[in-house]
Amino acid sequence: MWHSQVAAPKDVAGTFDEVGSTATLVVKLLDGLHDFHIEVTAAEPGRMSTHVGQQLDGPMRYTSTVRYTPAGSGFDWRWDEDNELPDGLPGPFGSEALLARFKELTLSQSAEVNKMLLEAMVPQPA
């Protein structure tokens, strides 16, 4: 809901803080929608979660780790991602610099949406 690259989740089994949990994510890439099978490979609830994603209709693969650090009444988070790009992608699609800028922009937008959604859940004085 909050991640601007994820169009929809499907076949969700488990949660992001449970090793072995899986899902299929419909992901918006530069060339359209693609299904990725994801699996949580490491988790420390409230501290970190790592998942691996494999494109079902192509060669792309990534590993994402999200770390949470207590901050005030909430937490800060850091998203690290390693992407495996196939050789021979046309034009700018094979550029690691373009992919890095694209990921930075989408994660920044996603973080703002996530913040807005979380703030909307905090009771406001009447």
N, C-alpha and C. Protein backbone atom coordinates (compact mmCIF):
# COMPACT_ATOMS: atom_id res chain seq x y z
N MET A 1 0.81 -1.20 0.00
CA MET A 1 0.00 0.00 0.00
C MET A 1 0.86 1.27 0.00
N TRP A 2 1.96 1.23 0.72
CA TRP A 2 2.78 2.43 0.84
C TRP A 2 3.93 2.49 -0.15
N HIS A 3 4.37 1.35 -0.68
CA HIS A 3 5.55 1.31 -1.56
C HIS A 3 5.13 1.64 -2.98
N SER A 4 5.66 2.72 -3.53
CA SER A 4 5.21 3.21 -4.83
C SER A 4 5.54 2.27 -5.99
N GLN A 5 6.47 1.34 -5.81
CA GLN A 5 6.79 0.39 -6.89
C GLN A 5 5.92 -0.86 -6.85
N VAL A 6 5.23 -1.10 -5.74
CA VAL A 6 4.43 -2.31 -5.61
C VAL A 6 2.99 -2.00 -6.02
N ALA A 7 2.56 -2.60 -7.12
CA ALA A 7 1.19 -2.40 -7.59
C ALA A 7 0.20 -3.25 -6.80
N ALA A 8 0.63 -4.47 -6.40
CA ALA A 8 -0.26 -5.35 -5.64
C ALA A 8 0.52 -6.53 -5.08
N PRO A 9 0.14 -6.98 -3.89
CA PRO A 9 0.67 -8.24 -3.36
C PRO A 9 -0.28 -9.37 -3.72
N LYS A 10 0.26 -10.57 -3.89
CA LYS A 10 -0.56 -11.76 -4.14
C LYS A 10 0.02 -12.93 -3.37
N ASP A 11 -0.81 -13.89 -3.06
CA ASP A 11 -0.35 -15.16 -2.47
C ASP A 11 0.56 -14.94 -1.25
N VAL A 12 0.14 -14.07 -0.34
CA VAL A 12 0.93 -13.75 0.85
C VAL A 12 0.81 -14.89 1.86
N ALA A 13 1.94 -15.39 2.34
CA ALA A 13 1.98 -16.44 3.35
C ALA A 13 2.96 -16.02 4.44
N GLY A 14 2.45 -15.48 5.54
CA GLY A 14 3.30 -15.04 6.64
C GLY A 14 3.43 -13.53 6.68
N THR A 15 4.45 -13.06 7.43
CA THR A 15 4.67 -11.63 7.61
C THR A 15 6.15 -11.31 7.35
N PHE A 16 6.47 -10.03 7.24
CA PHE A 16 7.85 -9.63 6.98
C PHE A 16 8.77 -9.79 8.17
N ASP A 17 8.24 -10.18 9.32
CA ASP A 17 9.12 -10.41 10.47
C ASP A 17 9.20 -11.90 10.81
N GLU A 18 8.91 -12.75 9.82
CA GLU A 18 8.91 -14.19 10.03
C GLU A 18 9.70 -14.87 8.90
N VAL A 19 10.85 -15.47 9.23
CA VAL A 19 11.67 -16.15 8.22
C VAL A 19 10.84 -17.25 7.55
N GLY A 20 10.97 -17.33 6.24
CA GLY A 20 10.25 -18.32 5.46
C GLY A 20 8.95 -17.80 4.87
N SER A 21 8.50 -16.62 5.29
CA SER A 21 7.29 -16.03 4.72
C SER A 21 7.53 -15.74 3.24
N THR A 22 6.48 -15.88 2.45
CA THR A 22 6.60 -15.66 1.01
C THR A 22 5.42 -14.84 0.49
N ALA A 23 5.60 -14.30 -0.70
CA ALA A 23 4.53 -13.57 -1.39
C ALA A 23 4.95 -13.39 -2.83
N THR A 24 4.01 -13.00 -3.65
CA THR A 24 4.29 -12.54 -4.99
C THR A 24 3.92 -11.07 -5.02
N LEU A 25 4.85 -10.23 -5.46
CA LEU A 25 4.57 -8.80 -5.58
C LEU A 25 4.52 -8.43 -7.05
N VAL A 26 3.49 -7.69 -7.44
CA VAL A 26 3.43 -7.12 -8.77
C VAL A 26 4.17 -5.78 -8.66
N VAL A 27 5.34 -5.71 -9.32
CA VAL A 27 6.25 -4.57 -9.17
C VAL A 27 6.27 -3.74 -10.45
N LYS A 28 6.21 -2.42 -10.26
CA LYS A 28 6.31 -1.48 -11.39
C LYS A 28 7.79 -1.20 -11.64
N LEU A 29 8.28 -1.64 -12.80
CA LEU A 29 9.65 -1.37 -13.22
C LEU A 29 9.62 -0.35 -14.36
N LEU A 30 10.79 0.03 -14.82
CA LEU A 30 10.87 1.03 -15.88
C LEU A 30 10.18 0.59 -17.17
N ASP A 31 10.06 -0.73 -17.38
CA ASP A 31 9.46 -1.23 -18.62
C ASP A 31 8.08 -1.88 -18.42
N GLY A 32 7.45 -1.67 -17.26
CA GLY A 32 6.10 -2.20 -17.04
C GLY A 32 5.99 -3.01 -15.76
N LEU A 33 4.90 -3.77 -15.64
CA LEU A 33 4.62 -4.58 -14.45
C LEU A 33 5.26 -5.96 -14.56
N HIS A 34 5.83 -6.42 -13.44
CA HIS A 34 6.46 -7.74 -13.39
C HIS A 34 6.17 -8.38 -12.04
N ASP A 35 5.95 -9.70 -12.05
CA ASP A 35 5.76 -10.45 -10.80
C ASP A 35 7.11 -10.87 -10.24
N PHE A 36 7.27 -10.68 -8.93
CA PHE A 36 8.46 -11.10 -8.20
C PHE A 36 8.03 -12.01 -7.06
N HIS A 37 8.66 -13.17 -6.96
CA HIS A 37 8.46 -14.04 -5.80
C HIS A 37 9.43 -13.54 -4.74
N ILE A 38 8.92 -13.28 -3.53
CA ILE A 38 9.80 -12.84 -2.45
C ILE A 38 9.74 -13.83 -1.30
N GLU A 39 10.85 -13.91 -0.57
CA GLU A 39 10.92 -14.76 0.61
C GLU A 39 11.75 -14.07 1.68
N VAL A 40 11.23 -14.05 2.90
CA VAL A 40 11.96 -13.49 4.03
C VAL A 40 13.04 -14.49 4.42
N THR A 41 14.30 -14.03 4.41
CA THR A 41 15.42 -14.93 4.69
C THR A 41 16.07 -14.67 6.04
N ALA A 42 15.80 -13.51 6.65
CA ALA A 42 16.33 -13.19 7.98
C ALA A 42 15.38 -12.19 8.61
N ALA A 43 15.18 -12.32 9.93
CA ALA A 43 14.29 -11.39 10.61
C ALA A 43 14.60 -11.34 12.09
N GLU A 44 14.57 -10.15 12.62
CA GLU A 44 14.62 -9.90 14.05
C GLU A 44 13.50 -8.90 14.30
N PRO A 45 12.32 -9.37 14.73
CA PRO A 45 11.16 -8.48 14.87
C PRO A 45 11.50 -7.19 15.62
N GLY A 46 11.10 -6.08 15.00
CA GLY A 46 11.35 -4.77 15.57
C GLY A 46 12.75 -4.24 15.32
N ARG A 47 13.64 -5.06 14.70
CA ARG A 47 15.02 -4.63 14.47
C ARG A 47 15.43 -4.67 13.00
N MET A 48 15.11 -5.79 12.31
CA MET A 48 15.50 -5.90 10.91
C MET A 48 14.74 -7.01 10.21
N SER A 49 14.69 -6.88 8.89
CA SER A 49 14.08 -7.91 8.05
C SER A 49 14.80 -7.91 6.70
N THR A 50 15.12 -9.10 6.21
CA THR A 50 15.75 -9.25 4.90
C THR A 50 14.87 -10.14 4.04
N HIS A 51 14.66 -9.73 2.80
CA HIS A 51 13.95 -10.60 1.86
C HIS A 51 14.65 -10.58 0.51
N VAL A 52 14.50 -11.70 -0.19
CA VAL A 52 15.06 -11.88 -1.53
C VAL A 52 13.90 -11.89 -2.51
N GLY A 53 14.05 -11.18 -3.61
CA GLY A 53 13.03 -11.16 -4.65
C GLY A 53 13.60 -11.66 -5.96
N GLN A 54 12.82 -12.52 -6.65
CA GLN A 54 13.23 -13.06 -7.94
C GLN A 54 12.14 -12.78 -8.95
N GLN A 55 12.47 -12.11 -10.04
CA GLN A 55 11.52 -11.83 -11.10
C GLN A 55 11.07 -13.15 -11.71
N LEU A 56 9.75 -13.35 -11.82
CA LEU A 56 9.23 -14.61 -12.35
C LEU A 56 9.29 -14.68 -13.88
N ASP A 57 9.24 -13.51 -14.54
CA ASP A 57 9.25 -13.51 -16.01
C ASP A 57 10.56 -12.96 -16.57
N GLY A 58 11.62 -13.00 -15.77
CA GLY A 58 12.90 -12.47 -16.23
C GLY A 58 14.01 -12.75 -15.24
N PRO A 59 15.20 -12.21 -15.52
CA PRO A 59 16.38 -12.56 -14.74
C PRO A 59 16.67 -11.68 -13.52
N MET A 60 15.89 -10.63 -13.29
CA MET A 60 16.23 -9.72 -12.20
C MET A 60 16.05 -10.38 -10.83
N ARG A 61 16.99 -10.05 -9.94
CA ARG A 61 16.96 -10.57 -8.57
C ARG A 61 17.47 -9.46 -7.66
N TYR A 62 16.93 -9.40 -6.45
CA TYR A 62 17.41 -8.40 -5.50
C TYR A 62 17.34 -8.96 -4.08
N THR A 63 18.10 -8.33 -3.20
CA THR A 63 18.04 -8.62 -1.77
C THR A 63 17.87 -7.29 -1.05
N SER A 64 16.82 -7.18 -0.22
CA SER A 64 16.55 -5.97 0.55
C SER A 64 16.64 -6.26 2.03
N THR A 65 17.30 -5.36 2.74
CA THR A 65 17.34 -5.44 4.21
C THR A 65 16.86 -4.11 4.76
N VAL A 66 15.88 -4.17 5.66
CA VAL A 66 15.36 -2.98 6.32
C VAL A 66 15.74 -3.09 7.79
N ARG A 67 16.39 -2.03 8.29
CA ARG A 67 16.80 -1.99 9.70
C ARG A 67 16.03 -0.88 10.40
N TYR A 68 15.58 -1.17 11.60
CA TYR A 68 14.81 -0.22 12.40
C TYR A 68 15.63 0.18 13.63
N THR A 69 15.68 1.50 13.91
CA THR A 69 16.41 2.02 15.05
C THR A 69 15.45 2.86 15.89
N PRO A 70 15.33 2.58 17.20
CA PRO A 70 14.45 3.40 18.04
C PRO A 70 14.80 4.89 17.93
N ALA A 71 13.77 5.71 17.84
CA ALA A 71 13.95 7.17 17.74
C ALA A 71 12.73 7.84 18.35
N GLY A 72 12.91 8.47 19.50
CA GLY A 72 11.78 9.12 20.17
C GLY A 72 10.70 8.10 20.49
N SER A 73 9.46 8.42 20.13
CA SER A 73 8.36 7.49 20.40
C SER A 73 8.16 6.49 19.26
N GLY A 74 9.01 6.55 18.26
CA GLY A 74 8.88 5.63 17.12
C GLY A 74 10.21 5.03 16.74
N PHE A 75 10.51 5.04 15.46
CA PHE A 75 11.77 4.48 14.98
C PHE A 75 12.16 5.14 13.66
N ASP A 76 13.44 5.09 13.36
CA ASP A 76 13.96 5.42 12.04
C ASP A 76 14.20 4.11 11.32
N TRP A 77 14.18 4.14 10.00
CA TRP A 77 14.47 2.92 9.27
C TRP A 77 15.41 3.21 8.12
N ARG A 78 16.16 2.19 7.77
CA ARG A 78 17.12 2.26 6.66
C ARG A 78 16.87 1.07 5.75
N TRP A 79 16.77 1.34 4.46
CA TRP A 79 16.52 0.30 3.45
C TRP A 79 17.78 0.15 2.61
N ASP A 80 18.39 -1.02 2.64
CA ASP A 80 19.54 -1.33 1.78
C ASP A 80 19.11 -2.38 0.78
N GLU A 81 19.50 -2.20 -0.47
CA GLU A 81 19.09 -3.15 -1.50
C GLU A 81 20.24 -3.40 -2.47
N ASP A 82 20.47 -4.67 -2.76
CA ASP A 82 21.41 -5.08 -3.79
C ASP A 82 20.61 -5.65 -4.95
N ASN A 83 20.87 -5.14 -6.13
CA ASN A 83 20.16 -5.59 -7.33
C ASN A 83 21.12 -6.32 -8.26
N GLU A 84 20.64 -7.39 -8.85
CA GLU A 84 21.40 -8.12 -9.86
C GLU A 84 20.75 -7.83 -11.21
N LEU A 85 21.45 -7.05 -12.03
CA LEU A 85 20.94 -6.69 -13.35
C LEU A 85 21.47 -7.65 -14.40
N PRO A 86 20.62 -8.09 -15.30
CA PRO A 86 21.12 -8.93 -16.39
C PRO A 86 21.92 -8.10 -17.39
N ASP A 87 22.85 -8.72 -18.07
CA ASP A 87 23.62 -8.05 -19.12
C ASP A 87 22.73 -7.82 -20.34
N GLY A 88 23.04 -6.78 -21.08
CA GLY A 88 22.39 -6.57 -22.37
C GLY A 88 21.04 -5.88 -22.33
N LEU A 89 20.68 -5.22 -21.22
CA LEU A 89 19.43 -4.48 -21.22
C LEU A 89 19.56 -3.28 -22.15
N PRO A 90 18.49 -2.94 -22.88
CA PRO A 90 18.60 -1.87 -23.88
C PRO A 90 18.73 -0.48 -23.24
N GLY A 91 19.52 0.38 -23.90
CA GLY A 91 19.64 1.79 -23.54
C GLY A 91 19.90 2.02 -22.06
N PRO A 92 19.15 2.95 -21.46
CA PRO A 92 19.40 3.32 -20.06
C PRO A 92 18.96 2.25 -19.07
N PHE A 93 18.19 1.25 -19.50
CA PHE A 93 17.68 0.24 -18.57
C PHE A 93 18.80 -0.59 -17.95
N GLY A 94 19.94 -0.66 -18.61
CA GLY A 94 21.06 -1.42 -18.07
C GLY A 94 22.01 -0.57 -17.24
N SER A 95 21.68 0.68 -17.04
CA SER A 95 22.56 1.59 -16.32
C SER A 95 22.36 1.46 -14.81
N GLU A 96 23.43 1.10 -14.10
CA GLU A 96 23.34 1.02 -12.64
C GLU A 96 23.06 2.38 -12.04
N ALA A 97 23.59 3.45 -12.66
CA ALA A 97 23.35 4.81 -12.15
C ALA A 97 21.86 5.17 -12.27
N LEU A 98 21.24 4.83 -13.40
CA LEU A 98 19.81 5.11 -13.57
C LEU A 98 19.00 4.30 -12.57
N LEU A 99 19.33 3.03 -12.41
CA LEU A 99 18.59 2.19 -11.46
C LEU A 99 18.73 2.75 -10.04
N ALA A 100 19.93 3.19 -9.66
CA ALA A 100 20.14 3.74 -8.32
C ALA A 100 19.30 5.00 -8.13
N ARG A 101 19.27 5.89 -9.12
CA ARG A 101 18.45 7.11 -9.01
C ARG A 101 16.96 6.77 -8.95
N PHE A 102 16.53 5.81 -9.77
CA PHE A 102 15.13 5.38 -9.78
C PHE A 102 14.73 4.80 -8.42
N LYS A 103 15.58 3.93 -7.86
CA LYS A 103 15.30 3.32 -6.55
C LYS A 103 15.26 4.38 -5.45
N GLU A 104 16.21 5.30 -5.48
CA GLU A 104 16.26 6.36 -4.47
C GLU A 104 14.98 7.20 -4.51
N LEU A 105 14.54 7.57 -5.70
CA LEU A 105 13.33 8.37 -5.85
C LEU A 105 12.10 7.60 -5.38
N THR A 106 11.96 6.34 -5.80
CA THR A 106 10.76 5.58 -5.41
C THR A 106 10.75 5.29 -3.91
N LEU A 107 11.91 5.02 -3.31
CA LEU A 107 11.93 4.77 -1.87
C LEU A 107 11.67 6.05 -1.09
N SER A 108 12.15 7.18 -1.58
CA SER A 108 11.87 8.46 -0.93
C SER A 108 10.37 8.76 -0.97
N GLN A 109 9.75 8.59 -2.14
CA GLN A 109 8.31 8.79 -2.26
C GLN A 109 7.55 7.81 -1.37
N SER A 110 7.98 6.57 -1.35
CA SER A 110 7.32 5.55 -0.54
C SER A 110 7.42 5.88 0.94
N ALA A 111 8.57 6.37 1.37
CA ALA A 111 8.75 6.74 2.79
C ALA A 111 7.79 7.86 3.17
N GLU A 112 7.59 8.82 2.30
CA GLU A 112 6.66 9.92 2.59
C GLU A 112 5.22 9.41 2.69
N VAL A 113 4.84 8.49 1.81
CA VAL A 113 3.49 7.91 1.87
C VAL A 113 3.34 7.10 3.15
N ASN A 114 4.36 6.30 3.50
CA ASN A 114 4.32 5.50 4.73
C ASN A 114 4.17 6.41 5.94
N LYS A 115 4.94 7.50 5.99
CA LYS A 115 4.86 8.45 7.10
C LYS A 115 3.44 9.02 7.21
N MET A 116 2.87 9.43 6.06
CA MET A 116 1.52 9.97 6.05
C MET A 116 0.50 8.96 6.60
N LEU A 117 0.61 7.71 6.17
CA LEU A 117 -0.31 6.68 6.63
C LEU A 117 -0.16 6.42 8.13
N LEU A 118 1.09 6.36 8.61
CA LEU A 118 1.31 6.14 10.04
C LEU A 118 0.82 7.31 10.87
N GLU A 119 1.07 8.53 10.41
CA GLU A 119 0.59 9.71 11.14
C GLU A 119 -0.92 9.75 11.19
N ALA A 120 -1.58 9.26 10.13
CA ALA A 120 -3.05 9.26 10.10
C ALA A 120 -3.63 8.30 11.14
N MET A 121 -2.83 7.33 11.61
CA MET A 121 -3.31 6.39 12.61
C MET A 121 -3.18 6.90 14.03
N VAL A 122 -2.45 8.01 14.22
CA VAL A 122 -2.27 8.57 15.56
C VAL A 122 -3.49 9.41 15.91
N PRO A 123 -4.13 9.11 17.04
CA PRO A 123 -5.32 9.89 17.43
C PRO A 123 -4.97 11.37 17.55
N GLN A 124 -5.82 12.21 16.99
CA GLN A 124 -5.63 13.66 17.02
C GLN A 124 -6.58 14.28 18.03
N PRO A 125 -6.11 15.34 18.73
CA PRO A 125 -7.01 16.02 19.67
C PRO A 125 -8.17 16.67 18.92
N ALA A 126 -9.30 16.64 19.55
CA ALA A 126 -10.52 17.20 18.91
C ALA A 126 -10.51 18.70 18.86
